[in-house]
N, C-alpha and C. Protein backbone atom coordinates (compact mmCIF):
# COMPACT_ATOMS: atom_id res chain seq x y z
N MET A 1 99.88 130.65 116.28
CA MET A 1 99.17 129.47 116.72
C MET A 1 99.34 129.30 118.22
N SER A 2 98.23 129.01 118.93
CA SER A 2 98.28 128.90 120.38
C SER A 2 99.01 127.63 120.80
N ASP A 3 99.42 127.60 122.08
CA ASP A 3 100.09 126.41 122.61
C ASP A 3 99.17 125.19 122.52
N ALA A 4 97.88 125.40 122.81
CA ALA A 4 96.93 124.29 122.77
C ALA A 4 96.78 123.74 121.36
N THR A 5 96.73 124.64 120.38
CA THR A 5 96.62 124.19 118.99
C THR A 5 97.89 123.46 118.56
N ASN A 6 99.03 123.98 118.97
CA ASN A 6 100.29 123.29 118.68
C ASN A 6 100.32 121.90 119.28
N ARG A 7 99.84 121.79 120.51
CA ARG A 7 99.83 120.50 121.19
C ARG A 7 98.92 119.51 120.45
N ALA A 8 97.73 119.99 120.04
CA ALA A 8 96.81 119.13 119.30
C ALA A 8 97.40 118.74 117.94
N TYR A 9 98.03 119.70 117.29
CA TYR A 9 98.64 119.45 115.97
C TYR A 9 99.75 118.40 116.08
N GLU A 10 100.65 118.59 117.03
CA GLU A 10 101.77 117.65 117.19
C GLU A 10 101.27 116.26 117.57
N PHE A 11 100.25 116.21 118.41
CA PHE A 11 99.69 114.91 118.81
C PHE A 11 99.11 114.19 117.60
N LEU A 12 98.29 114.90 116.81
CA LEU A 12 97.67 114.28 115.64
C LEU A 12 98.70 113.90 114.58
N ARG A 13 99.63 114.80 114.32
CA ARG A 13 100.63 114.54 113.29
C ARG A 13 101.47 113.31 113.66
N ALA A 14 101.90 113.24 114.92
CA ALA A 14 102.70 112.10 115.38
C ALA A 14 101.89 110.80 115.29
N SER A 15 100.61 110.86 115.64
CA SER A 15 99.76 109.67 115.60
C SER A 15 99.56 109.17 114.18
N ILE A 16 99.52 110.09 113.21
CA ILE A 16 99.39 109.70 111.81
C ILE A 16 100.70 109.10 111.32
N LEU A 17 101.81 109.76 111.63
CA LEU A 17 103.11 109.32 111.11
C LEU A 17 103.57 108.01 111.74
N ASP A 18 103.18 107.75 112.99
CA ASP A 18 103.64 106.49 113.61
C ASP A 18 102.66 105.34 113.37
N GLY A 19 101.58 105.61 112.63
CA GLY A 19 100.65 104.55 112.30
C GLY A 19 99.54 104.33 113.29
N SER A 20 99.54 105.09 114.41
CA SER A 20 98.46 104.93 115.38
C SER A 20 97.11 105.29 114.77
N LEU A 21 97.13 106.26 113.84
CA LEU A 21 95.93 106.64 113.08
C LEU A 21 96.20 106.33 111.61
N PRO A 22 95.86 105.12 111.17
CA PRO A 22 96.15 104.74 109.78
C PRO A 22 95.22 105.42 108.79
N ALA A 23 95.56 105.32 107.52
CA ALA A 23 94.74 105.91 106.46
C ALA A 23 93.30 105.44 106.58
N GLY A 24 92.38 106.38 106.43
CA GLY A 24 90.96 106.06 106.52
C GLY A 24 90.36 106.26 107.89
N SER A 25 91.20 106.49 108.91
CA SER A 25 90.70 106.69 110.27
C SER A 25 89.91 107.99 110.36
N ARG A 26 88.75 107.94 110.97
CA ARG A 26 87.97 109.16 111.18
C ARG A 26 88.47 109.87 112.43
N LEU A 27 88.63 111.17 112.34
CA LEU A 27 89.16 111.95 113.46
C LEU A 27 87.99 112.52 114.26
N LEU A 28 87.79 111.99 115.46
CA LEU A 28 86.70 112.41 116.33
C LEU A 28 87.22 113.47 117.29
N GLU A 29 86.71 114.67 117.15
CA GLU A 29 87.25 115.81 117.89
C GLU A 29 87.23 115.61 119.39
N THR A 30 86.13 115.08 119.92
CA THR A 30 86.01 114.91 121.37
C THR A 30 87.07 113.96 121.91
N ALA A 31 87.24 112.81 121.22
CA ALA A 31 88.22 111.82 121.67
C ALA A 31 89.63 112.36 121.55
N ILE A 32 89.92 113.07 120.46
CA ILE A 32 91.26 113.62 120.26
C ILE A 32 91.55 114.69 121.30
N ALA A 33 90.56 115.55 121.59
CA ALA A 33 90.75 116.60 122.59
C ALA A 33 91.09 116.00 123.94
N GLU A 34 90.42 114.91 124.29
CA GLU A 34 90.68 114.25 125.57
C GLU A 34 92.08 113.65 125.60
N GLN A 35 92.46 113.00 124.51
CA GLN A 35 93.78 112.36 124.45
C GLN A 35 94.91 113.38 124.46
N ALA A 36 94.70 114.51 123.77
CA ALA A 36 95.75 115.54 123.67
C ALA A 36 95.74 116.50 124.85
N GLY A 37 94.68 116.45 125.66
CA GLY A 37 94.59 117.33 126.83
C GLY A 37 94.27 118.76 126.47
N VAL A 38 93.42 118.94 125.45
CA VAL A 38 93.03 120.29 125.03
C VAL A 38 91.52 120.30 124.81
N SER A 39 90.98 121.49 124.48
CA SER A 39 89.56 121.58 124.15
C SER A 39 89.36 121.25 122.67
N ARG A 40 88.10 121.23 122.22
CA ARG A 40 87.82 120.86 120.82
C ARG A 40 88.25 121.94 119.84
N THR A 41 88.25 123.22 120.25
CA THR A 41 88.61 124.29 119.31
C THR A 41 90.03 124.14 118.78
N PRO A 42 91.03 123.92 119.64
CA PRO A 42 92.40 123.70 119.11
C PRO A 42 92.49 122.46 118.22
N VAL A 43 91.67 121.45 118.52
CA VAL A 43 91.68 120.25 117.67
C VAL A 43 91.19 120.59 116.28
N ARG A 44 90.10 121.39 116.18
CA ARG A 44 89.59 121.80 114.88
C ARG A 44 90.64 122.58 114.09
N GLU A 45 91.36 123.47 114.78
CA GLU A 45 92.39 124.26 114.11
C GLU A 45 93.54 123.37 113.64
N ALA A 46 93.90 122.39 114.47
CA ALA A 46 94.97 121.45 114.10
C ALA A 46 94.56 120.62 112.89
N ILE A 47 93.31 120.19 112.85
CA ILE A 47 92.81 119.40 111.73
C ILE A 47 92.85 120.22 110.45
N ARG A 48 92.46 121.50 110.52
CA ARG A 48 92.50 122.34 109.33
C ARG A 48 93.93 122.49 108.82
N ARG A 49 94.89 122.61 109.73
CA ARG A 49 96.30 122.72 109.30
C ARG A 49 96.75 121.43 108.64
N LEU A 50 96.39 120.29 109.22
CA LEU A 50 96.79 119.01 108.65
C LEU A 50 96.10 118.77 107.31
N ASP A 51 94.90 119.30 107.16
CA ASP A 51 94.21 119.22 105.87
C ASP A 51 94.99 120.02 104.82
N SER A 52 95.45 121.21 105.18
CA SER A 52 96.21 122.04 104.24
C SER A 52 97.54 121.40 103.88
N GLU A 53 98.08 120.58 104.79
CA GLU A 53 99.35 119.91 104.53
C GLU A 53 99.19 118.59 103.79
N GLY A 54 97.94 118.13 103.68
CA GLY A 54 97.68 116.92 102.91
C GLY A 54 97.65 115.64 103.70
N LEU A 55 97.84 115.69 105.01
CA LEU A 55 97.81 114.47 105.81
C LEU A 55 96.39 114.07 106.19
N VAL A 56 95.47 115.02 106.14
CA VAL A 56 94.07 114.80 106.53
C VAL A 56 93.17 115.30 105.42
N HIS A 57 92.04 114.62 105.24
CA HIS A 57 91.04 115.08 104.27
C HIS A 57 89.80 115.52 105.03
N LEU A 58 89.49 116.80 104.95
CA LEU A 58 88.35 117.38 105.66
C LEU A 58 87.14 117.41 104.74
N ARG A 59 86.10 116.65 105.10
CA ARG A 59 84.92 116.54 104.26
C ARG A 59 83.76 117.35 104.88
N PRO A 60 83.15 118.26 104.11
CA PRO A 60 82.02 119.02 104.62
C PRO A 60 80.88 118.10 105.07
N HIS A 61 80.31 118.41 106.23
CA HIS A 61 79.18 117.67 106.80
C HIS A 61 79.51 116.23 107.19
N PHE A 62 80.77 115.88 107.14
CA PHE A 62 81.17 114.52 107.53
C PHE A 62 82.25 114.53 108.60
N GLY A 63 83.22 115.40 108.45
CA GLY A 63 84.33 115.43 109.37
C GLY A 63 85.64 115.15 108.65
N ALA A 64 86.65 114.79 109.41
CA ALA A 64 87.98 114.59 108.85
C ALA A 64 88.40 113.13 108.95
N ILE A 65 89.13 112.69 107.94
CA ILE A 65 89.71 111.35 107.98
C ILE A 65 91.18 111.45 107.60
N VAL A 66 91.96 110.49 108.05
CA VAL A 66 93.37 110.43 107.66
C VAL A 66 93.43 110.09 106.18
N ARG A 67 94.21 110.86 105.47
CA ARG A 67 94.26 110.76 104.01
C ARG A 67 94.84 109.42 103.55
N SER A 68 94.26 108.89 102.50
CA SER A 68 94.85 107.74 101.79
C SER A 68 95.17 108.20 100.38
N TRP A 69 96.04 107.45 99.68
CA TRP A 69 96.48 107.89 98.36
C TRP A 69 96.42 106.75 97.36
N THR A 70 96.16 107.12 96.12
CA THR A 70 96.22 106.14 95.04
C THR A 70 97.68 105.89 94.67
N LEU A 71 97.92 104.81 93.94
CA LEU A 71 99.28 104.53 93.48
C LEU A 71 99.81 105.66 92.61
N SER A 72 98.95 106.24 91.79
CA SER A 72 99.37 107.34 90.93
C SER A 72 99.81 108.55 91.76
N GLU A 73 99.03 108.86 92.81
CA GLU A 73 99.39 109.98 93.68
C GLU A 73 100.70 109.71 94.40
N LEU A 74 100.88 108.47 94.86
CA LEU A 74 102.12 108.12 95.55
C LEU A 74 103.32 108.19 94.62
N GLU A 75 103.13 107.77 93.39
CA GLU A 75 104.23 107.84 92.41
C GLU A 75 104.65 109.29 92.21
N ASP A 76 103.67 110.20 92.12
CA ASP A 76 103.99 111.62 92.00
C ASP A 76 104.79 112.11 93.20
N MET A 77 104.35 111.71 94.41
CA MET A 77 105.02 112.16 95.63
C MET A 77 106.46 111.65 95.70
N PHE A 78 106.63 110.38 95.37
CA PHE A 78 107.99 109.83 95.43
C PHE A 78 108.88 110.45 94.35
N SER A 79 108.31 110.79 93.20
CA SER A 79 109.08 111.45 92.15
C SER A 79 109.56 112.81 92.62
N LEU A 80 108.65 113.57 93.24
CA LEU A 80 109.01 114.87 93.79
C LEU A 80 110.03 114.72 94.92
N ARG A 81 109.79 113.73 95.77
CA ARG A 81 110.70 113.52 96.88
C ARG A 81 112.11 113.19 96.40
N ALA A 82 112.21 112.40 95.34
CA ALA A 82 113.53 112.03 94.81
C ALA A 82 114.32 113.27 94.41
N VAL A 83 113.62 114.24 93.84
CA VAL A 83 114.29 115.48 93.41
C VAL A 83 114.64 116.36 94.61
N ILE A 84 113.64 116.58 95.48
CA ILE A 84 113.83 117.55 96.57
C ILE A 84 114.75 117.01 97.65
N GLU A 85 114.57 115.74 98.02
CA GLU A 85 115.42 115.21 99.09
C GLU A 85 116.85 114.98 98.61
N ALA A 86 117.01 114.67 97.34
CA ALA A 86 118.37 114.58 96.79
C ALA A 86 119.05 115.95 96.88
N HIS A 87 118.30 117.00 96.55
CA HIS A 87 118.83 118.36 96.68
C HIS A 87 119.18 118.67 98.14
N ALA A 88 118.30 118.24 99.06
CA ALA A 88 118.57 118.47 100.48
C ALA A 88 119.85 117.75 100.92
N ALA A 89 120.05 116.54 100.43
CA ALA A 89 121.25 115.78 100.78
C ALA A 89 122.50 116.47 100.25
N GLY A 90 122.41 117.02 99.02
CA GLY A 90 123.54 117.75 98.47
C GLY A 90 123.88 118.98 99.29
N ARG A 91 122.84 119.73 99.71
CA ARG A 91 123.07 120.91 100.56
C ARG A 91 123.68 120.49 101.89
N ALA A 92 123.14 119.41 102.46
CA ALA A 92 123.62 118.96 103.76
C ALA A 92 125.10 118.58 103.73
N ALA A 93 125.56 118.08 102.60
CA ALA A 93 126.96 117.64 102.51
C ALA A 93 127.94 118.76 102.82
N THR A 94 127.56 120.01 102.56
CA THR A 94 128.47 121.14 102.81
C THR A 94 128.04 121.97 104.02
N ARG A 95 126.96 121.55 104.69
CA ARG A 95 126.44 122.36 105.81
C ARG A 95 126.25 121.58 107.10
N ILE A 96 126.32 120.27 107.02
CA ILE A 96 126.01 119.45 108.19
C ILE A 96 127.03 119.66 109.31
N THR A 97 126.57 119.63 110.55
CA THR A 97 127.44 119.82 111.70
C THR A 97 128.03 118.47 112.13
N PRO A 98 129.15 118.48 112.84
CA PRO A 98 129.70 117.22 113.36
C PRO A 98 128.70 116.45 114.22
N GLN A 99 127.90 117.16 115.02
CA GLN A 99 126.91 116.51 115.86
C GLN A 99 125.84 115.80 115.01
N GLN A 100 125.38 116.47 113.97
CA GLN A 100 124.39 115.85 113.09
C GLN A 100 124.97 114.64 112.37
N LEU A 101 126.23 114.74 111.97
CA LEU A 101 126.88 113.59 111.33
C LEU A 101 126.94 112.40 112.27
N ARG A 102 127.27 112.67 113.53
CA ARG A 102 127.32 111.58 114.52
C ARG A 102 125.93 110.97 114.70
N GLU A 103 124.91 111.82 114.77
CA GLU A 103 123.54 111.32 114.94
C GLU A 103 123.13 110.43 113.78
N LEU A 104 123.43 110.88 112.55
CA LEU A 104 123.07 110.08 111.37
C LEU A 104 123.84 108.77 111.35
N SER A 105 125.10 108.81 111.73
CA SER A 105 125.92 107.60 111.74
C SER A 105 125.37 106.58 112.73
N VAL A 106 125.00 107.06 113.92
CA VAL A 106 124.44 106.17 114.95
C VAL A 106 123.12 105.57 114.46
N LEU A 107 122.27 106.39 113.87
CA LEU A 107 120.98 105.90 113.36
C LEU A 107 121.19 104.85 112.27
N ALA A 108 122.11 105.10 111.35
CA ALA A 108 122.38 104.15 110.26
C ALA A 108 122.92 102.83 110.81
N GLU A 109 123.84 102.91 111.77
CA GLU A 109 124.40 101.69 112.37
C GLU A 109 123.34 100.94 113.16
N ASP A 110 122.46 101.67 113.85
CA ASP A 110 121.36 101.02 114.58
C ASP A 110 120.45 100.27 113.62
N MET A 111 120.13 100.89 112.48
CA MET A 111 119.26 100.22 111.51
C MET A 111 119.91 98.96 110.97
N LEU A 112 121.22 99.01 110.73
CA LEU A 112 121.94 97.83 110.26
C LEU A 112 121.87 96.71 111.30
N ALA A 113 122.14 97.05 112.55
CA ALA A 113 122.13 96.04 113.62
C ALA A 113 120.74 95.43 113.79
N LEU A 114 119.72 96.27 113.74
CA LEU A 114 118.34 95.77 113.90
C LEU A 114 117.95 94.87 112.74
N ALA A 115 118.38 95.23 111.53
CA ALA A 115 118.06 94.41 110.36
C ALA A 115 118.74 93.05 110.46
N GLU A 116 119.96 93.03 110.98
CA GLU A 116 120.69 91.77 111.10
C GLU A 116 120.12 90.88 112.17
N VAL A 117 119.64 91.47 113.27
CA VAL A 117 119.06 90.69 114.37
C VAL A 117 117.72 90.10 113.94
N GLY A 118 116.90 90.92 113.31
CA GLY A 118 115.62 90.43 112.82
C GLY A 118 114.64 90.05 113.91
N ALA A 119 114.68 90.75 115.04
CA ALA A 119 113.74 90.49 116.14
C ALA A 119 112.32 90.87 115.71
N PRO A 120 111.30 90.37 116.45
CA PRO A 120 109.91 90.67 116.08
C PRO A 120 109.58 92.15 115.96
N ASP A 121 110.23 92.98 116.78
CA ASP A 121 109.93 94.41 116.73
C ASP A 121 110.96 95.20 115.93
N SER A 122 111.85 94.50 115.21
CA SER A 122 112.93 95.19 114.49
C SER A 122 112.40 96.17 113.46
N ARG A 123 111.38 95.77 112.70
CA ARG A 123 110.87 96.64 111.64
C ARG A 123 110.31 97.94 112.23
N ASP A 124 109.58 97.83 113.35
CA ASP A 124 109.05 99.04 113.99
C ASP A 124 110.17 99.97 114.42
N ARG A 125 111.21 99.39 115.01
CA ARG A 125 112.32 100.20 115.51
C ARG A 125 113.13 100.80 114.36
N ILE A 126 113.29 100.04 113.27
CA ILE A 126 113.97 100.58 112.10
C ILE A 126 113.16 101.73 111.51
N SER A 127 111.84 101.56 111.46
CA SER A 127 110.97 102.60 110.92
C SER A 127 111.11 103.90 111.70
N GLU A 128 111.19 103.80 113.01
CA GLU A 128 111.35 104.99 113.86
C GLU A 128 112.68 105.67 113.56
N ARG A 129 113.74 104.88 113.45
CA ARG A 129 115.07 105.46 113.18
C ARG A 129 115.16 106.01 111.77
N ASN A 130 114.48 105.37 110.85
CA ASN A 130 114.45 105.87 109.47
C ASN A 130 113.82 107.27 109.42
N ALA A 131 112.70 107.44 110.11
CA ALA A 131 112.04 108.75 110.13
C ALA A 131 112.96 109.80 110.75
N GLU A 132 113.64 109.44 111.83
CA GLU A 132 114.55 110.38 112.49
C GLU A 132 115.75 110.70 111.60
N PHE A 133 116.23 109.71 110.86
CA PHE A 133 117.35 109.91 109.94
C PHE A 133 117.00 110.98 108.91
N HIS A 134 115.84 110.83 108.29
CA HIS A 134 115.46 111.77 107.24
C HIS A 134 115.16 113.16 107.79
N ARG A 135 114.57 113.24 108.99
CA ARG A 135 114.33 114.54 109.60
C ARG A 135 115.65 115.25 109.91
N THR A 136 116.62 114.49 110.43
CA THR A 136 117.92 115.08 110.77
C THR A 136 118.63 115.58 109.51
N LEU A 137 118.55 114.81 108.44
CA LEU A 137 119.21 115.23 107.20
C LEU A 137 118.57 116.51 106.65
N ILE A 138 117.26 116.59 106.70
CA ILE A 138 116.58 117.80 106.22
C ILE A 138 116.99 119.00 107.07
N ASP A 139 117.10 118.81 108.39
CA ASP A 139 117.57 119.89 109.27
C ASP A 139 118.98 120.32 108.85
N ALA A 140 119.80 119.34 108.49
CA ALA A 140 121.19 119.63 108.14
C ALA A 140 121.31 120.42 106.84
N ALA A 141 120.28 120.38 106.01
CA ALA A 141 120.30 121.14 104.76
C ALA A 141 120.20 122.64 105.01
N ARG A 142 119.69 123.03 106.17
CA ARG A 142 119.60 124.43 106.59
C ARG A 142 118.87 125.31 105.57
N SER A 143 117.68 124.89 105.22
CA SER A 143 116.88 125.67 104.27
C SER A 143 115.42 125.57 104.67
N GLU A 144 114.83 126.70 105.03
CA GLU A 144 113.41 126.71 105.37
C GLU A 144 112.55 126.38 104.16
N ARG A 145 112.98 126.80 102.98
CA ARG A 145 112.23 126.49 101.77
C ARG A 145 112.21 124.98 101.52
N VAL A 146 113.38 124.36 101.64
CA VAL A 146 113.45 122.91 101.47
C VAL A 146 112.61 122.21 102.53
N ARG A 147 112.71 122.67 103.77
CA ARG A 147 111.94 122.07 104.86
C ARG A 147 110.44 122.14 104.56
N SER A 148 109.99 123.29 104.09
CA SER A 148 108.57 123.47 103.78
C SER A 148 108.13 122.55 102.65
N MET A 149 108.94 122.48 101.60
CA MET A 149 108.58 121.64 100.46
C MET A 149 108.60 120.16 100.83
N MET A 150 109.48 119.80 101.74
CA MET A 150 109.62 118.40 102.13
C MET A 150 108.52 117.94 103.07
N SER A 151 107.83 118.88 103.73
CA SER A 151 106.86 118.50 104.76
C SER A 151 105.78 117.57 104.21
N GLN A 152 105.43 117.72 102.93
CA GLN A 152 104.42 116.85 102.34
C GLN A 152 105.04 115.64 101.67
N VAL A 153 106.07 115.85 100.86
CA VAL A 153 106.59 114.73 100.09
C VAL A 153 107.40 113.74 100.92
N VAL A 154 107.78 114.12 102.15
CA VAL A 154 108.43 113.16 103.05
C VAL A 154 107.45 112.67 104.09
N ASP A 155 106.71 113.59 104.73
CA ASP A 155 105.79 113.18 105.79
C ASP A 155 104.72 112.22 105.30
N MET A 156 104.18 112.47 104.11
CA MET A 156 103.14 111.58 103.60
C MET A 156 103.65 110.15 103.40
N PRO A 157 104.75 109.96 102.64
CA PRO A 157 105.26 108.59 102.52
C PRO A 157 105.68 107.97 103.85
N LEU A 158 106.24 108.77 104.75
CA LEU A 158 106.64 108.22 106.05
C LEU A 158 105.44 107.74 106.83
N SER A 159 104.27 108.39 106.60
CA SER A 159 103.07 107.95 107.31
C SER A 159 102.66 106.54 106.90
N LEU A 160 103.16 106.07 105.75
CA LEU A 160 102.89 104.71 105.31
C LEU A 160 103.81 103.70 105.99
N ARG A 161 104.82 104.23 106.71
CA ARG A 161 105.81 103.38 107.38
C ARG A 161 106.35 102.37 106.37
N THR A 162 106.95 102.92 105.32
CA THR A 162 107.33 102.13 104.16
C THR A 162 108.19 100.91 104.50
N ILE A 163 109.05 101.02 105.49
CA ILE A 163 109.96 99.92 105.80
C ILE A 163 109.19 98.67 106.25
N LEU A 164 108.03 98.87 106.86
CA LEU A 164 107.24 97.73 107.30
C LEU A 164 106.72 96.92 106.10
N ARG A 165 106.76 97.51 104.92
CA ARG A 165 106.23 96.85 103.72
C ARG A 165 107.34 96.32 102.82
N TYR A 166 108.60 96.44 103.24
CA TYR A 166 109.72 95.96 102.44
C TYR A 166 109.87 94.45 102.58
N ASP A 167 110.30 93.80 101.49
CA ASP A 167 110.74 92.42 101.62
C ASP A 167 112.19 92.44 102.11
N ALA A 168 112.77 91.28 102.33
CA ALA A 168 114.11 91.22 102.93
C ALA A 168 115.15 91.91 102.06
N GLN A 169 115.03 91.75 100.74
CA GLN A 169 115.99 92.36 99.82
C GLN A 169 115.88 93.89 99.84
N ALA A 170 114.65 94.40 99.86
CA ALA A 170 114.45 95.85 99.88
C ALA A 170 114.94 96.44 101.19
N LEU A 171 114.73 95.73 102.29
CA LEU A 171 115.20 96.22 103.58
C LEU A 171 116.72 96.30 103.61
N ALA A 172 117.39 95.26 103.13
CA ALA A 172 118.86 95.25 103.11
C ALA A 172 119.40 96.39 102.25
N ARG A 173 118.74 96.64 101.11
CA ARG A 173 119.16 97.73 100.23
C ARG A 173 118.99 99.08 100.91
N SER A 174 117.86 99.27 101.60
CA SER A 174 117.60 100.53 102.29
C SER A 174 118.65 100.79 103.37
N VAL A 175 119.00 99.77 104.11
CA VAL A 175 120.01 99.91 105.17
C VAL A 175 121.36 100.31 104.57
N ARG A 176 121.74 99.68 103.46
CA ARG A 176 123.01 100.02 102.80
C ARG A 176 123.00 101.46 102.31
N HIS A 177 121.84 101.90 101.80
CA HIS A 177 121.74 103.28 101.34
C HIS A 177 122.00 104.27 102.47
N HIS A 178 121.42 104.00 103.64
CA HIS A 178 121.63 104.92 104.77
C HIS A 178 123.11 105.02 105.12
N LEU A 179 123.79 103.87 105.12
CA LEU A 179 125.22 103.88 105.44
C LEU A 179 126.01 104.65 104.38
N GLU A 180 125.63 104.51 103.11
CA GLU A 180 126.35 105.21 102.05
C GLU A 180 126.06 106.71 102.07
N ILE A 181 124.83 107.08 102.43
CA ILE A 181 124.51 108.51 102.57
C ILE A 181 125.40 109.14 103.64
N VAL A 182 125.58 108.44 104.75
CA VAL A 182 126.45 108.94 105.81
C VAL A 182 127.88 109.08 105.29
N ALA A 183 128.34 108.09 104.55
CA ALA A 183 129.71 108.15 104.01
C ALA A 183 129.88 109.35 103.07
N ALA A 184 128.87 109.61 102.24
CA ALA A 184 128.93 110.75 101.33
C ALA A 184 128.95 112.07 102.09
N LEU A 185 128.16 112.16 103.15
CA LEU A 185 128.13 113.38 103.96
C LEU A 185 129.46 113.57 104.70
N GLN A 186 130.03 112.47 105.17
CA GLN A 186 131.32 112.56 105.86
C GLN A 186 132.41 113.03 104.90
N SER A 187 132.26 112.68 103.62
CA SER A 187 133.23 113.11 102.61
C SER A 187 132.95 114.52 102.10
N ARG A 188 131.84 115.11 102.56
CA ARG A 188 131.43 116.46 102.13
C ARG A 188 131.28 116.53 100.60
N ASP A 189 130.72 115.44 100.03
CA ASP A 189 130.60 115.34 98.58
C ASP A 189 129.13 115.49 98.18
N PRO A 190 128.71 116.67 97.70
CA PRO A 190 127.30 116.89 97.35
C PRO A 190 126.81 115.98 96.23
N THR A 191 127.64 115.75 95.23
CA THR A 191 127.21 114.92 94.09
C THR A 191 126.94 113.50 94.52
N TRP A 192 127.82 112.95 95.34
CA TRP A 192 127.65 111.59 95.86
C TRP A 192 126.39 111.52 96.73
N ALA A 193 126.24 112.47 97.63
CA ALA A 193 125.08 112.47 98.54
C ALA A 193 123.78 112.55 97.75
N GLU A 194 123.74 113.42 96.75
CA GLU A 194 122.53 113.55 95.93
C GLU A 194 122.23 112.24 95.20
N SER A 195 123.24 111.63 94.64
CA SER A 195 123.06 110.42 93.85
C SER A 195 122.51 109.28 94.71
N VAL A 196 123.09 109.09 95.89
CA VAL A 196 122.64 107.99 96.75
C VAL A 196 121.22 108.24 97.26
N MET A 197 120.94 109.48 97.63
CA MET A 197 119.60 109.78 98.13
C MET A 197 118.56 109.58 97.04
N ARG A 198 118.87 109.98 95.83
CA ARG A 198 117.92 109.78 94.73
C ARG A 198 117.66 108.29 94.53
N SER A 199 118.71 107.49 94.53
CA SER A 199 118.55 106.04 94.39
C SER A 199 117.74 105.46 95.54
N HIS A 200 117.99 105.96 96.74
CA HIS A 200 117.29 105.50 97.94
C HIS A 200 115.79 105.73 97.83
N VAL A 201 115.40 106.90 97.40
CA VAL A 201 113.97 107.24 97.29
C VAL A 201 113.31 106.46 96.15
N ILE A 202 113.99 106.35 95.03
CA ILE A 202 113.43 105.60 93.90
C ILE A 202 113.24 104.13 94.28
N ALA A 203 114.21 103.57 94.98
CA ALA A 203 114.10 102.18 95.44
C ALA A 203 112.92 102.02 96.40
N ALA A 204 112.71 103.01 97.27
CA ALA A 204 111.59 102.97 98.21
C ALA A 204 110.27 102.93 97.46
N TRP A 205 110.17 103.76 96.40
CA TRP A 205 108.94 103.77 95.61
C TRP A 205 108.67 102.40 95.00
N HIS A 206 109.69 101.78 94.41
CA HIS A 206 109.47 100.48 93.77
C HIS A 206 109.09 99.41 94.79
N ALA A 207 109.60 99.51 96.01
CA ALA A 207 109.21 98.56 97.06
C ALA A 207 107.75 98.74 97.44
N ILE A 208 107.32 100.01 97.56
CA ILE A 208 105.92 100.30 97.88
C ILE A 208 105.01 99.84 96.74
N GLU A 209 105.42 100.11 95.51
CA GLU A 209 104.62 99.72 94.35
C GLU A 209 104.45 98.21 94.29
N ALA A 210 105.54 97.48 94.51
CA ALA A 210 105.48 96.01 94.46
C ALA A 210 104.56 95.47 95.56
N ASP A 211 104.67 96.05 96.75
CA ASP A 211 103.82 95.60 97.86
C ASP A 211 102.34 95.86 97.56
N ALA A 212 102.04 97.06 97.04
CA ALA A 212 100.65 97.41 96.74
C ALA A 212 100.07 96.49 95.67
N LYS A 213 100.85 96.22 94.63
CA LYS A 213 100.37 95.35 93.55
C LYS A 213 100.17 93.92 94.04
N ALA A 214 101.03 93.47 94.95
CA ALA A 214 100.88 92.12 95.51
C ALA A 214 99.59 92.03 96.32
N HIS A 215 99.28 93.08 97.07
CA HIS A 215 98.04 93.07 97.87
C HIS A 215 96.81 93.12 96.95
N LEU A 216 96.89 93.90 95.88
CA LEU A 216 95.78 93.97 94.93
C LEU A 216 95.55 92.62 94.27
N ALA A 217 96.64 91.93 93.91
CA ALA A 217 96.53 90.62 93.27
C ALA A 217 95.93 89.61 94.24
N GLU A 218 96.34 89.70 95.50
CA GLU A 218 95.82 88.78 96.51
C GLU A 218 94.33 89.00 96.73
N ALA A 219 93.94 90.28 96.79
CA ALA A 219 92.53 90.60 96.99
C ALA A 219 91.70 90.14 95.80
N SER A 220 92.24 90.29 94.58
CA SER A 220 91.53 89.87 93.38
C SER A 220 91.36 88.35 93.36
N ALA A 221 92.38 87.63 93.82
CA ALA A 221 92.31 86.17 93.82
C ALA A 221 91.28 85.65 94.83
N GLN A 222 91.08 86.40 95.89
CA GLN A 222 90.13 85.98 96.93
C GLN A 222 88.70 86.38 96.61
N ALA A 223 88.55 87.30 95.64
CA ALA A 223 87.20 87.81 95.32
C ALA A 223 86.36 86.76 94.59
């Protein structure tokens, strides 16, 4: 893959994951090429790669849009993620470096502090640290196979910025999970790390499900 295609791919992927391009957004090649500083050809190649990864839906004779998912599809993804990321956490417990442990600890403590402060931008900042936490843990698992499998089941849910949709109780639970995951990794205990990560992902799914159903009920009441 050329440098220009990589640049376009990273630009688009980051824009989807940080919410700049929400689900349903149409991807206009000319505008994206200008923003990413490349020509339209690398943008087309980047879009095809994102389509193969499931973040983008490429429609013949229409173009590409940022993918959206049904509740059933999301439930499948979170179920897969619970299995794969729990496995990654177990691997990381015996492979993580001291530097990675420090990074995860700092991220977990930052999320706790931000949750306690509750400033207007706290959720956005927690969401950023949450994404970095999970990426660092996957790196610590030291498995290209796991990394490849996780690219969809983690990146897709992260693109929803799940923490922004948590109620206060779900947010507090998520923060505690991050701290306990760090404790399990510090203890080099694969079973503990797997167990907490599985609970963390399952709890995330139930928070997303509750939020989606509340929005559906609200929309139905207004109809």
